[in-house]
């Protein structure tokens, strides 16, 4: 018989005694922040301002729209370690500070987050259209026009180096095209059907 060996279990700690806040963009109008404040940071505040001021102050997140040079406060509680933040402006750079608010004018920062950019909620101003002959990908090489698209997008960083192309024909089991010269590809999240393959001078949304 096989001897059953007992395995010890490990429980993750509630915290790691760090001082940090991380800010993430969920969508154009919602950010998400999670944080941890060590006892040393709390004791430093109490040593500087007194325990009474800690008790009477309000824990808040100060959210700053760096792009528009404006800020607002989000009241939280001493038991939370994460929060969803609604922001009115999309396509802006944000930073969050965790701290204590004493009256309306006095805010004491405990820790600051990273900067994060909320995505745009409107049609992109970049209206250039790019077309790829995806049949070349199936053959293992890129046509000059296709290579130019990759190079152009790399320079402009439109897709941050990621180009998404989806078509059954890449895997060899798609039906034949019903019309001569008509091909389709999903490029940058948009389903494109074009009668001519190459770099077009027409304009579409990105």
N, C-alpha and C. Protein backbone atom coordinates (compact mmCIF):
# COMPACT_ATOMS: atom_id res chain seq x y z
N UNK A 1 0.84 -1.20 0.00
CA UNK A 1 0.00 0.00 0.00
C UNK A 1 0.88 1.24 0.00
N UNK A 2 0.35 2.26 -0.67
CA UNK A 2 1.08 3.50 -0.71
C UNK A 2 0.84 4.28 0.58
N UNK A 3 1.89 4.86 1.05
CA UNK A 3 1.79 5.66 2.26
C UNK A 3 1.33 7.07 1.91
N UNK A 4 0.27 7.49 2.50
CA UNK A 4 -0.28 8.81 2.24
C UNK A 4 0.48 9.83 3.07
N UNK A 5 1.06 10.79 2.39
CA UNK A 5 1.81 11.82 3.09
C UNK A 5 0.94 13.06 3.25
N UNK A 6 0.86 13.52 4.45
CA UNK A 6 0.07 14.72 4.72
C UNK A 6 0.85 15.95 4.28
N UNK A 7 0.15 16.86 3.65
CA UNK A 7 0.76 18.10 3.19
C UNK A 7 0.28 19.25 4.05
N UNK A 8 1.22 20.04 4.48
CA UNK A 8 0.86 21.20 5.29
C UNK A 8 0.26 22.28 4.40
N UNK A 9 -0.74 22.92 4.90
CA UNK A 9 -1.40 24.00 4.16
C UNK A 9 -0.80 25.34 4.54
N UNK A 10 -0.86 26.25 3.60
CA UNK A 10 -0.32 27.59 3.84
C UNK A 10 -1.42 28.61 3.58
N UNK A 11 -1.65 29.44 4.52
CA UNK A 11 -2.67 30.48 4.41
C UNK A 11 -2.00 31.81 4.08
N UNK A 12 -2.49 32.44 3.04
CA UNK A 12 -1.93 33.74 2.67
C UNK A 12 -2.21 34.76 3.75
N UNK A 13 -1.25 35.59 4.06
CA UNK A 13 -1.47 36.62 5.09
C UNK A 13 -2.41 37.70 4.60
N UNK A 14 -3.00 38.40 5.51
CA UNK A 14 -3.89 39.51 5.16
C UNK A 14 -3.12 40.66 4.53
N UNK A 15 -1.85 40.79 4.87
CA UNK A 15 -1.02 41.86 4.32
C UNK A 15 0.44 41.51 4.44
N UNK A 16 1.26 42.34 3.82
CA UNK A 16 2.71 42.11 3.81
C UNK A 16 3.47 43.28 4.44
N UNK A 17 2.75 44.10 5.18
CA UNK A 17 3.35 45.24 5.88
C UNK A 17 4.06 46.18 4.92
N UNK A 18 3.43 46.39 3.76
CA UNK A 18 3.97 47.31 2.76
C UNK A 18 3.19 48.62 2.78
N UNK A 19 3.76 49.61 2.13
CA UNK A 19 3.09 50.90 1.94
C UNK A 19 2.99 51.13 0.44
N UNK A 20 1.83 50.84 -0.11
CA UNK A 20 1.67 51.00 -1.55
C UNK A 20 0.20 51.11 -1.91
N UNK A 21 -0.06 51.74 -3.05
CA UNK A 21 -1.38 51.79 -3.65
C UNK A 21 -1.20 51.63 -5.15
N UNK A 22 -1.98 50.77 -5.75
CA UNK A 22 -1.89 50.48 -7.18
C UNK A 22 -3.19 50.92 -7.83
N UNK A 23 -3.07 51.66 -8.92
CA UNK A 23 -4.23 52.18 -9.64
C UNK A 23 -4.31 51.53 -11.00
N UNK A 24 -5.50 51.04 -11.36
CA UNK A 24 -5.74 50.38 -12.64
C UNK A 24 -6.94 51.02 -13.33
N UNK A 25 -6.92 51.03 -14.65
CA UNK A 25 -8.06 51.53 -15.43
C UNK A 25 -8.92 50.35 -15.86
N UNK A 26 -10.18 50.34 -15.43
CA UNK A 26 -11.08 49.26 -15.83
C UNK A 26 -11.74 49.55 -17.18
N UNK A 27 -12.19 50.78 -17.35
CA UNK A 27 -12.80 51.22 -18.60
C UNK A 27 -12.71 52.75 -18.63
N UNK A 28 -13.28 53.43 -19.63
CA UNK A 28 -13.10 54.89 -19.72
C UNK A 28 -13.55 55.68 -18.50
N UNK A 29 -14.48 55.16 -17.70
CA UNK A 29 -15.01 55.95 -16.59
C UNK A 29 -14.91 55.26 -15.23
N UNK A 30 -14.17 54.17 -15.17
CA UNK A 30 -14.00 53.51 -13.88
C UNK A 30 -12.54 53.10 -13.69
N UNK A 31 -12.00 53.48 -12.53
CA UNK A 31 -10.67 53.05 -12.11
C UNK A 31 -10.82 52.11 -10.92
N UNK A 32 -9.79 51.34 -10.68
CA UNK A 32 -9.78 50.44 -9.53
C UNK A 32 -8.46 50.60 -8.80
N UNK A 33 -8.55 50.77 -7.49
CA UNK A 33 -7.35 50.95 -6.66
C UNK A 33 -7.34 49.91 -5.55
N UNK A 34 -6.16 49.37 -5.27
CA UNK A 34 -5.99 48.51 -4.09
C UNK A 34 -4.71 48.94 -3.38
N UNK A 35 -4.69 48.77 -2.08
CA UNK A 35 -3.59 49.34 -1.31
C UNK A 35 -3.33 48.57 -0.03
N UNK A 36 -2.23 48.94 0.60
CA UNK A 36 -1.87 48.44 1.92
C UNK A 36 -1.06 49.51 2.63
N UNK A 37 -1.39 49.74 3.88
CA UNK A 37 -0.66 50.70 4.72
C UNK A 37 -0.11 49.95 5.93
N UNK A 38 1.18 50.07 6.17
CA UNK A 38 1.80 49.37 7.28
C UNK A 38 1.51 50.07 8.60
N UNK A 39 1.70 49.34 9.67
CA UNK A 39 1.54 49.93 10.99
C UNK A 39 2.59 51.01 11.24
N UNK A 40 3.76 50.87 10.64
CA UNK A 40 4.79 51.89 10.81
C UNK A 40 4.35 53.22 10.22
N UNK A 41 3.69 53.17 9.05
CA UNK A 41 3.22 54.42 8.44
C UNK A 41 2.11 55.05 9.29
N UNK A 42 1.23 54.22 9.80
CA UNK A 42 0.18 54.73 10.68
C UNK A 42 0.77 55.33 11.95
N UNK A 43 1.73 54.66 12.55
CA UNK A 43 2.35 55.17 13.77
C UNK A 43 3.14 56.45 13.50
N UNK A 44 3.69 56.57 12.30
CA UNK A 44 4.40 57.80 11.94
C UNK A 44 3.43 58.98 11.89
N UNK A 45 2.24 58.75 11.35
CA UNK A 45 1.22 59.80 11.34
C UNK A 45 0.82 60.18 12.76
N UNK A 46 0.58 59.17 13.58
CA UNK A 46 0.16 59.43 14.96
C UNK A 46 1.26 60.15 15.73
N UNK A 47 2.52 59.78 15.49
CA UNK A 47 3.62 60.46 16.16
C UNK A 47 3.75 61.91 15.75
N UNK A 48 3.39 62.22 14.51
CA UNK A 48 3.52 63.59 14.02
C UNK A 48 2.33 64.46 14.37
N UNK A 49 1.12 63.88 14.35
CA UNK A 49 -0.09 64.69 14.54
C UNK A 49 -0.90 64.31 15.76
N UNK A 50 -0.62 63.15 16.36
CA UNK A 50 -1.37 62.73 17.54
C UNK A 50 -2.45 61.72 17.20
N UNK A 51 -2.75 60.86 18.17
CA UNK A 51 -3.75 59.81 17.96
C UNK A 51 -5.15 60.39 17.80
N UNK A 52 -5.42 61.47 18.47
CA UNK A 52 -6.75 62.09 18.38
C UNK A 52 -7.05 62.56 16.96
N UNK A 53 -6.04 63.11 16.31
CA UNK A 53 -6.24 63.59 14.94
C UNK A 53 -6.45 62.42 13.98
N UNK A 54 -5.80 61.29 14.26
CA UNK A 54 -6.04 60.11 13.43
C UNK A 54 -7.50 59.65 13.56
N UNK A 55 -8.00 59.66 14.79
CA UNK A 55 -9.36 59.21 15.02
C UNK A 55 -10.39 60.17 14.42
N UNK A 56 -10.09 61.45 14.44
CA UNK A 56 -11.05 62.44 13.95
C UNK A 56 -10.93 62.70 12.45
N UNK A 57 -9.83 62.29 11.85
CA UNK A 57 -9.67 62.48 10.41
C UNK A 57 -10.44 61.40 9.65
N UNK A 58 -10.65 61.66 8.36
CA UNK A 58 -11.44 60.77 7.52
C UNK A 58 -10.53 60.12 6.48
N UNK A 59 -10.55 58.79 6.35
CA UNK A 59 -9.76 58.14 5.29
C UNK A 59 -10.36 58.41 3.92
N UNK A 60 -9.54 58.88 3.00
CA UNK A 60 -10.03 59.24 1.67
C UNK A 60 -9.01 58.84 0.61
N UNK A 61 -9.49 58.78 -0.61
CA UNK A 61 -8.65 58.70 -1.79
C UNK A 61 -8.74 60.04 -2.50
N UNK A 62 -7.60 60.66 -2.73
CA UNK A 62 -7.56 61.88 -3.51
C UNK A 62 -7.19 61.50 -4.94
N UNK A 63 -8.12 61.69 -5.85
CA UNK A 63 -7.93 61.31 -7.25
C UNK A 63 -7.67 62.57 -8.06
N UNK A 64 -6.54 62.61 -8.73
CA UNK A 64 -6.14 63.79 -9.50
C UNK A 64 -6.15 63.47 -10.98
N UNK A 65 -6.86 64.31 -11.72
CA UNK A 65 -6.83 64.26 -13.19
C UNK A 65 -5.66 65.12 -13.63
N UNK A 66 -4.55 64.48 -13.95
CA UNK A 66 -3.34 65.21 -14.31
C UNK A 66 -3.54 65.97 -15.61
N UNK A 67 -4.30 65.40 -16.53
CA UNK A 67 -4.50 66.03 -17.84
C UNK A 67 -5.24 67.35 -17.72
N UNK A 68 -6.18 67.43 -16.78
CA UNK A 68 -7.00 68.64 -16.64
C UNK A 68 -6.69 69.41 -15.37
N UNK A 69 -5.68 68.96 -14.62
CA UNK A 69 -5.25 69.66 -13.41
C UNK A 69 -6.41 69.88 -12.44
N UNK A 70 -7.15 68.81 -12.17
CA UNK A 70 -8.27 68.87 -11.23
C UNK A 70 -8.24 67.63 -10.36
N UNK A 71 -8.89 67.70 -9.22
CA UNK A 71 -8.89 66.56 -8.30
C UNK A 71 -10.19 66.51 -7.52
N UNK A 72 -10.48 65.35 -6.97
CA UNK A 72 -11.65 65.18 -6.12
C UNK A 72 -11.34 64.10 -5.09
N UNK A 73 -12.16 64.04 -4.04
CA UNK A 73 -11.95 63.10 -2.95
C UNK A 73 -13.02 62.01 -2.97
N UNK A 74 -12.61 60.81 -2.62
CA UNK A 74 -13.53 59.68 -2.47
C UNK A 74 -13.39 59.18 -1.04
N UNK A 75 -14.47 59.27 -0.28
CA UNK A 75 -14.41 58.82 1.11
C UNK A 75 -14.47 57.29 1.17
N UNK A 76 -13.55 56.71 1.92
CA UNK A 76 -13.50 55.26 2.09
C UNK A 76 -13.64 54.96 3.58
N UNK A 77 -13.23 53.78 4.02
CA UNK A 77 -13.24 53.46 5.44
C UNK A 77 -11.93 52.78 5.83
N UNK A 78 -11.71 52.66 7.11
CA UNK A 78 -10.44 52.11 7.61
C UNK A 78 -10.33 50.59 7.43
N UNK A 79 -11.41 49.94 7.03
CA UNK A 79 -11.39 48.48 6.91
C UNK A 79 -11.21 48.01 5.47
N UNK A 80 -11.31 48.91 4.52
CA UNK A 80 -11.21 48.53 3.11
C UNK A 80 -9.77 48.58 2.64
N UNK A 81 -9.47 47.77 1.63
CA UNK A 81 -8.14 47.80 1.01
C UNK A 81 -8.23 47.87 -0.51
N UNK A 82 -9.42 48.15 -1.03
CA UNK A 82 -9.61 48.35 -2.47
C UNK A 82 -10.88 49.15 -2.69
N UNK A 83 -10.94 49.79 -3.89
CA UNK A 83 -12.10 50.65 -4.16
C UNK A 83 -12.23 50.88 -5.66
N UNK A 84 -13.49 50.90 -6.13
CA UNK A 84 -13.77 51.33 -7.50
C UNK A 84 -14.02 52.83 -7.51
N UNK A 85 -13.44 53.50 -8.48
CA UNK A 85 -13.51 54.97 -8.54
C UNK A 85 -14.13 55.38 -9.86
N UNK A 86 -15.23 56.12 -9.79
CA UNK A 86 -15.87 56.64 -10.99
C UNK A 86 -15.22 57.97 -11.37
N UNK A 87 -14.77 58.08 -12.61
CA UNK A 87 -14.13 59.31 -13.09
C UNK A 87 -14.96 59.89 -14.23
N UNK A 88 -15.16 61.20 -14.25
CA UNK A 88 -16.03 61.80 -15.27
C UNK A 88 -15.39 61.91 -16.65
N UNK A 89 -14.07 62.00 -16.70
CA UNK A 89 -13.39 62.28 -17.97
C UNK A 89 -12.60 61.06 -18.43
N UNK A 90 -12.83 60.66 -19.67
CA UNK A 90 -12.05 59.59 -20.28
C UNK A 90 -10.83 60.17 -20.97
N UNK A 91 -9.96 59.27 -21.43
CA UNK A 91 -8.77 59.68 -22.18
C UNK A 91 -7.94 60.70 -21.41
N UNK A 92 -7.82 60.49 -20.10
CA UNK A 92 -7.04 61.40 -19.25
C UNK A 92 -6.10 60.58 -18.37
N UNK A 93 -5.07 61.25 -17.89
CA UNK A 93 -4.08 60.63 -17.01
C UNK A 93 -4.48 60.88 -15.56
N UNK A 94 -4.51 59.81 -14.75
CA UNK A 94 -4.94 59.91 -13.36
C UNK A 94 -3.87 59.37 -12.42
N UNK A 95 -3.91 59.89 -11.19
CA UNK A 95 -3.08 59.38 -10.10
C UNK A 95 -3.93 59.46 -8.83
N UNK A 96 -3.72 58.52 -7.92
CA UNK A 96 -4.49 58.49 -6.67
C UNK A 96 -3.56 58.56 -5.48
N UNK A 97 -4.03 59.23 -4.43
CA UNK A 97 -3.30 59.32 -3.17
C UNK A 97 -4.20 58.82 -2.05
N UNK A 98 -3.66 57.96 -1.22
CA UNK A 98 -4.38 57.49 -0.04
C UNK A 98 -3.91 58.30 1.15
N UNK A 99 -4.87 58.84 1.90
CA UNK A 99 -4.48 59.67 3.03
C UNK A 99 -5.64 59.96 3.96
N UNK A 100 -5.44 60.96 4.81
CA UNK A 100 -6.44 61.36 5.79
C UNK A 100 -6.84 62.80 5.52
N UNK A 101 -8.13 63.03 5.54
CA UNK A 101 -8.64 64.38 5.32
C UNK A 101 -9.09 64.97 6.64
N UNK A 102 -8.53 66.14 6.93
CA UNK A 102 -8.85 66.86 8.17
C UNK A 102 -9.47 68.18 7.76
N UNK A 103 -10.76 68.31 7.98
CA UNK A 103 -11.52 69.46 7.49
C UNK A 103 -11.52 69.44 5.96
N UNK A 104 -11.98 70.50 5.34
CA UNK A 104 -12.10 70.52 3.89
C UNK A 104 -10.81 70.89 3.19
N UNK A 105 -9.93 71.62 3.86
CA UNK A 105 -8.74 72.14 3.20
C UNK A 105 -7.47 71.34 3.51
N UNK A 106 -7.50 70.50 4.52
CA UNK A 106 -6.28 69.86 5.00
C UNK A 106 -6.29 68.38 4.65
N UNK A 107 -5.32 67.94 3.86
CA UNK A 107 -5.20 66.54 3.46
C UNK A 107 -3.77 66.08 3.71
N UNK A 108 -3.62 64.95 4.38
CA UNK A 108 -2.30 64.38 4.67
C UNK A 108 -2.12 63.12 3.82
N UNK A 109 -1.13 63.14 2.96
CA UNK A 109 -0.85 62.00 2.08
C UNK A 109 -0.10 60.91 2.83
N UNK A 110 -0.56 59.67 2.67
CA UNK A 110 0.14 58.53 3.23
C UNK A 110 0.94 57.77 2.18
N UNK A 111 0.37 57.63 0.99
CA UNK A 111 1.05 56.93 -0.09
C UNK A 111 0.40 57.32 -1.41
N UNK A 112 1.21 57.37 -2.48
CA UNK A 112 0.72 57.75 -3.81
C UNK A 112 0.81 56.56 -4.76
N UNK A 113 -0.08 56.54 -5.73
CA UNK A 113 -0.16 55.44 -6.68
C UNK A 113 0.67 55.72 -7.92
N UNK A 114 0.65 54.78 -8.82
CA UNK A 114 1.20 54.95 -10.16
C UNK A 114 0.25 55.81 -10.99
N UNK A 115 0.72 56.26 -12.14
CA UNK A 115 -0.13 57.00 -13.08
C UNK A 115 -0.79 56.01 -14.03
N UNK A 116 -2.05 56.27 -14.35
CA UNK A 116 -2.78 55.40 -15.26
C UNK A 116 -3.62 56.27 -16.19
N UNK A 117 -3.74 55.84 -17.45
CA UNK A 117 -4.52 56.58 -18.44
C UNK A 117 -5.83 55.86 -18.70
N UNK A 118 -6.94 56.57 -18.47
CA UNK A 118 -8.25 56.00 -18.79
C UNK A 118 -8.44 55.99 -20.30
N UNK A 119 -8.94 54.89 -20.86
CA UNK A 119 -9.12 54.84 -22.32
C UNK A 119 -10.19 55.80 -22.80
N UNK A 120 -10.18 56.05 -24.09
CA UNK A 120 -11.14 56.97 -24.70
C UNK A 120 -12.50 56.30 -24.81
N UNK A 121 -13.57 57.11 -24.72
CA UNK A 121 -14.92 56.58 -24.86
C UNK A 121 -15.60 57.08 -26.13
N UNK A 122 -14.83 57.64 -27.05
CA UNK A 122 -15.37 58.13 -28.31
C UNK A 122 -14.60 57.51 -29.47
N UNK A 123 -15.08 57.78 -30.68
CA UNK A 123 -14.40 57.30 -31.87
C UNK A 123 -13.02 57.94 -31.95
N UNK A 124 -12.05 57.13 -32.29
CA UNK A 124 -10.67 57.62 -32.35
C UNK A 124 -10.51 58.69 -33.41
N UNK A 125 -9.64 59.65 -33.12
CA UNK A 125 -9.33 60.69 -34.09
C UNK A 125 -8.43 60.18 -35.21
N UNK A 126 -7.80 59.04 -34.98
CA UNK A 126 -6.96 58.44 -36.00
C UNK A 126 -7.85 57.67 -36.97
N UNK A 127 -8.04 58.19 -38.17
CA UNK A 127 -8.97 57.60 -39.13
C UNK A 127 -8.26 56.88 -40.26
N UNK A 128 -6.98 56.62 -40.13
CA UNK A 128 -6.25 55.94 -41.20
C UNK A 128 -6.70 54.48 -41.29
N UNK A 129 -6.84 54.00 -42.51
CA UNK A 129 -7.25 52.61 -42.76
C UNK A 129 -6.05 51.81 -43.23
N UNK A 130 -5.86 50.64 -42.65
CA UNK A 130 -4.77 49.75 -43.04
C UNK A 130 -5.36 48.39 -43.41
N UNK A 131 -4.91 47.84 -44.52
CA UNK A 131 -5.39 46.54 -44.98
C UNK A 131 -4.22 45.57 -45.11
N UNK A 132 -4.46 44.34 -44.72
CA UNK A 132 -3.42 43.32 -44.75
C UNK A 132 -3.88 42.16 -45.63
N UNK A 133 -2.99 41.70 -46.49
CA UNK A 133 -3.25 40.49 -47.27
C UNK A 133 -2.91 39.30 -46.39
N UNK A 134 -3.91 38.80 -45.68
CA UNK A 134 -3.63 37.76 -44.70
C UNK A 134 -3.28 36.42 -45.33
N UNK A 135 -3.53 36.27 -46.65
CA UNK A 135 -3.14 35.03 -47.31
C UNK A 135 -1.62 34.87 -47.30
N UNK A 136 -0.91 36.00 -47.29
CA UNK A 136 0.55 35.93 -47.23
C UNK A 136 1.03 35.32 -45.92
N UNK A 137 0.26 35.56 -44.85
CA UNK A 137 0.65 35.00 -43.55
C UNK A 137 0.55 33.48 -43.58
N UNK A 138 -0.43 32.97 -44.30
CA UNK A 138 -0.60 31.52 -44.39
C UNK A 138 0.55 30.88 -45.17
N UNK A 139 1.18 31.65 -46.05
CA UNK A 139 2.30 31.13 -46.83
C UNK A 139 3.64 31.30 -46.11
N UNK A 140 3.61 31.95 -44.96
CA UNK A 140 4.82 32.08 -44.17
C UNK A 140 5.67 33.28 -44.52
N UNK A 141 5.15 34.23 -45.28
CA UNK A 141 5.92 35.43 -45.58
C UNK A 141 4.98 36.62 -45.68
N UNK A 142 5.55 37.79 -45.63
CA UNK A 142 4.79 39.03 -45.69
C UNK A 142 5.05 39.74 -47.00
N UNK A 143 3.98 40.19 -47.63
CA UNK A 143 4.13 41.01 -48.82
C UNK A 143 4.68 42.37 -48.42
N UNK A 144 5.29 43.11 -49.36
CA UNK A 144 5.83 44.44 -49.03
C UNK A 144 4.79 45.36 -48.39
N UNK A 145 3.54 45.31 -48.91
CA UNK A 145 2.51 46.18 -48.35
C UNK A 145 2.18 45.77 -46.92
N UNK A 146 2.10 44.46 -46.68
CA UNK A 146 1.80 43.98 -45.33
C UNK A 146 2.92 44.33 -44.36
N UNK A 147 4.16 44.16 -44.80
CA UNK A 147 5.29 44.53 -43.95
C UNK A 147 5.31 46.00 -43.63
N UNK A 148 4.88 46.81 -44.60
CA UNK A 148 4.84 48.26 -44.37
C UNK A 148 3.82 48.60 -43.29
N UNK A 149 2.71 47.86 -43.26
CA UNK A 149 1.70 48.11 -42.24
C UNK A 149 2.25 47.80 -40.86
N UNK A 150 2.93 46.67 -40.74
CA UNK A 150 3.54 46.33 -39.45
C UNK A 150 4.53 47.40 -39.02
N UNK A 151 5.35 47.85 -39.97
CA UNK A 151 6.36 48.86 -39.65
C UNK A 151 5.71 50.17 -39.26
N UNK A 152 4.68 50.56 -40.00
CA UNK A 152 3.99 51.82 -39.70
C UNK A 152 3.34 51.78 -38.34
N UNK A 153 2.68 50.67 -38.03
CA UNK A 153 2.01 50.57 -36.75
C UNK A 153 3.00 50.49 -35.60
N UNK A 154 4.16 49.91 -35.84
CA UNK A 154 5.19 49.85 -34.81
C UNK A 154 5.70 51.24 -34.48
N UNK A 155 5.86 52.07 -35.51
CA UNK A 155 6.35 53.42 -35.29
C UNK A 155 5.32 54.26 -34.57
N UNK A 156 4.08 54.16 -35.00
CA UNK A 156 3.02 54.99 -34.42
C UNK A 156 2.54 54.46 -33.08
N UNK A 157 2.87 53.19 -32.78
CA UNK A 157 2.45 52.54 -31.54
C UNK A 157 0.94 52.60 -31.37
N UNK A 158 0.25 52.43 -32.48
CA UNK A 158 -1.20 52.50 -32.42
C UNK A 158 -1.76 51.35 -31.61
N UNK A 159 -1.18 50.18 -31.80
CA UNK A 159 -1.69 49.01 -31.11
C UNK A 159 -0.73 48.50 -30.05
N UNK A 160 0.24 49.31 -29.68
CA UNK A 160 1.24 48.92 -28.67
C UNK A 160 1.93 47.62 -29.07
N UNK A 161 2.15 47.43 -30.37
CA UNK A 161 2.89 46.28 -30.84
C UNK A 161 2.07 45.03 -31.02
N UNK A 162 0.75 45.12 -30.83
CA UNK A 162 -0.09 43.95 -30.97
C UNK A 162 -1.08 44.17 -32.10
N UNK A 163 -1.04 43.32 -33.10
CA UNK A 163 -1.97 43.41 -34.21
C UNK A 163 -2.79 42.14 -34.23
N UNK A 164 -4.10 42.29 -34.10
CA UNK A 164 -4.97 41.12 -34.04
C UNK A 164 -5.59 40.83 -35.39
N UNK A 165 -5.30 39.67 -35.94
CA UNK A 165 -5.86 39.26 -37.22
C UNK A 165 -6.57 37.93 -37.01
N UNK A 166 -7.82 37.84 -37.41
CA UNK A 166 -8.57 36.62 -37.20
C UNK A 166 -9.29 36.24 -38.47
N UNK A 167 -9.00 35.06 -39.00
CA UNK A 167 -9.68 34.58 -40.19
C UNK A 167 -9.52 33.08 -40.29
N UNK A 168 -10.60 32.32 -40.61
CA UNK A 168 -10.47 30.87 -40.75
C UNK A 168 -9.50 30.46 -41.84
N UNK A 169 -9.28 31.33 -42.83
CA UNK A 169 -8.43 30.96 -43.94
C UNK A 169 -6.98 30.80 -43.52
N UNK A 170 -6.62 31.39 -42.38
CA UNK A 170 -5.26 31.22 -41.89
C UNK A 170 -4.98 29.76 -41.57
N UNK A 171 -6.02 29.02 -41.23
CA UNK A 171 -5.85 27.64 -40.82
C UNK A 171 -6.24 26.65 -41.92
N UNK A 172 -6.58 27.14 -43.11
CA UNK A 172 -6.76 26.28 -44.26
C UNK A 172 -8.10 25.63 -44.40
N UNK A 173 -9.13 26.06 -43.61
CA UNK A 173 -10.42 25.40 -43.77
C UNK A 173 -11.54 26.38 -44.06
N UNK A 174 -11.22 27.56 -44.54
CA UNK A 174 -12.26 28.53 -44.88
C UNK A 174 -12.80 28.25 -46.27
N UNK A 175 -14.03 28.72 -46.51
CA UNK A 175 -14.61 28.57 -47.83
C UNK A 175 -13.94 29.53 -48.79
N UNK A 176 -14.07 29.28 -50.09
CA UNK A 176 -13.50 30.17 -51.08
C UNK A 176 -14.27 31.49 -51.09
N UNK A 177 -13.56 32.57 -51.40
CA UNK A 177 -14.21 33.86 -51.49
C UNK A 177 -15.21 33.85 -52.64
N UNK A 178 -16.40 34.41 -52.38
CA UNK A 178 -17.46 34.38 -53.38
C UNK A 178 -17.24 35.42 -54.47
N UNK A 179 -16.46 36.45 -54.20
CA UNK A 179 -16.22 37.49 -55.18
C UNK A 179 -14.72 37.65 -55.39
N UNK A 180 -14.33 37.84 -56.61
CA UNK A 180 -12.92 38.01 -56.91
C UNK A 180 -12.40 39.30 -56.30
N UNK A 181 -11.27 39.20 -55.62
CA UNK A 181 -10.64 40.39 -55.06
C UNK A 181 -11.26 40.87 -53.77
N UNK A 182 -12.15 40.10 -53.15
CA UNK A 182 -12.76 40.51 -51.89
C UNK A 182 -12.18 39.64 -50.79
N UNK A 183 -11.60 40.25 -49.79
CA UNK A 183 -11.04 39.52 -48.66
C UNK A 183 -11.46 40.21 -47.39
N UNK A 184 -11.40 39.49 -46.29
CA UNK A 184 -11.81 40.06 -45.01
C UNK A 184 -10.78 39.75 -43.96
N UNK A 185 -10.64 40.65 -43.01
CA UNK A 185 -9.73 40.44 -41.88
C UNK A 185 -10.20 41.29 -40.73
N UNK A 186 -9.94 40.82 -39.52
CA UNK A 186 -10.24 41.61 -38.34
C UNK A 186 -8.96 42.29 -37.91
N UNK A 187 -8.93 43.61 -38.08
CA UNK A 187 -7.71 44.37 -37.85
C UNK A 187 -7.97 45.40 -36.77
N UNK A 188 -7.20 45.32 -35.69
CA UNK A 188 -7.32 46.23 -34.55
C UNK A 188 -8.73 46.19 -33.96
N UNK A 189 -9.36 45.01 -33.96
CA UNK A 189 -10.67 44.89 -33.36
C UNK A 189 -11.81 45.27 -34.27
N UNK A 190 -11.56 45.57 -35.55
CA UNK A 190 -12.61 45.99 -36.47
C UNK A 190 -12.67 44.99 -37.61
N UNK A 191 -13.88 44.53 -37.94
CA UNK A 191 -14.04 43.61 -39.05
C UNK A 191 -14.07 44.41 -40.34
N UNK A 192 -13.07 44.18 -41.20
CA UNK A 192 -12.91 44.97 -42.42
C UNK A 192 -13.15 44.09 -43.63
N UNK A 193 -13.98 44.54 -44.55
CA UNK A 193 -14.16 43.87 -45.82
C UNK A 193 -13.77 44.85 -46.90
N UNK A 194 -12.79 44.48 -47.73
CA UNK A 194 -12.28 45.41 -48.74
C UNK A 194 -12.19 44.71 -50.08
N UNK A 195 -12.45 45.46 -51.13
CA UNK A 195 -12.36 44.91 -52.48
C UNK A 195 -10.93 44.93 -53.00
N UNK A 196 -10.09 45.68 -52.39
CA UNK A 196 -8.70 45.75 -52.83
C UNK A 196 -7.80 45.62 -51.62
N UNK A 197 -6.81 44.78 -51.73
CA UNK A 197 -5.87 44.56 -50.64
C UNK A 197 -4.67 45.45 -50.85
N UNK A 198 -4.21 46.06 -49.75
CA UNK A 198 -3.08 46.97 -49.82
C UNK A 198 -3.29 48.09 -48.84
N UNK A 199 -2.54 49.13 -48.93
CA UNK A 199 -2.71 50.29 -48.07
C UNK A 199 -3.65 51.24 -48.77
N UNK A 200 -4.77 51.48 -48.15
CA UNK A 200 -5.80 52.29 -48.79
C UNK A 200 -5.67 53.75 -48.41
N UNK A 201 -6.09 54.60 -49.30
CA UNK A 201 -6.10 56.03 -49.01
C UNK A 201 -7.42 56.45 -48.39
N UNK A 202 -8.39 55.50 -48.30
CA UNK A 202 -9.65 55.81 -47.65
C UNK A 202 -9.44 55.89 -46.14
N UNK A 203 -10.40 56.44 -45.44
CA UNK A 203 -10.27 56.61 -44.00
C UNK A 203 -11.40 55.89 -43.28
N UNK A 204 -11.01 55.15 -42.26
CA UNK A 204 -11.96 54.48 -41.39
C UNK A 204 -11.58 54.79 -39.96
N UNK A 205 -12.43 54.38 -39.00
CA UNK A 205 -12.08 54.59 -37.60
C UNK A 205 -11.09 53.53 -37.19
N UNK A 206 -10.29 53.84 -36.17
CA UNK A 206 -9.35 52.86 -35.63
C UNK A 206 -10.04 52.10 -34.52
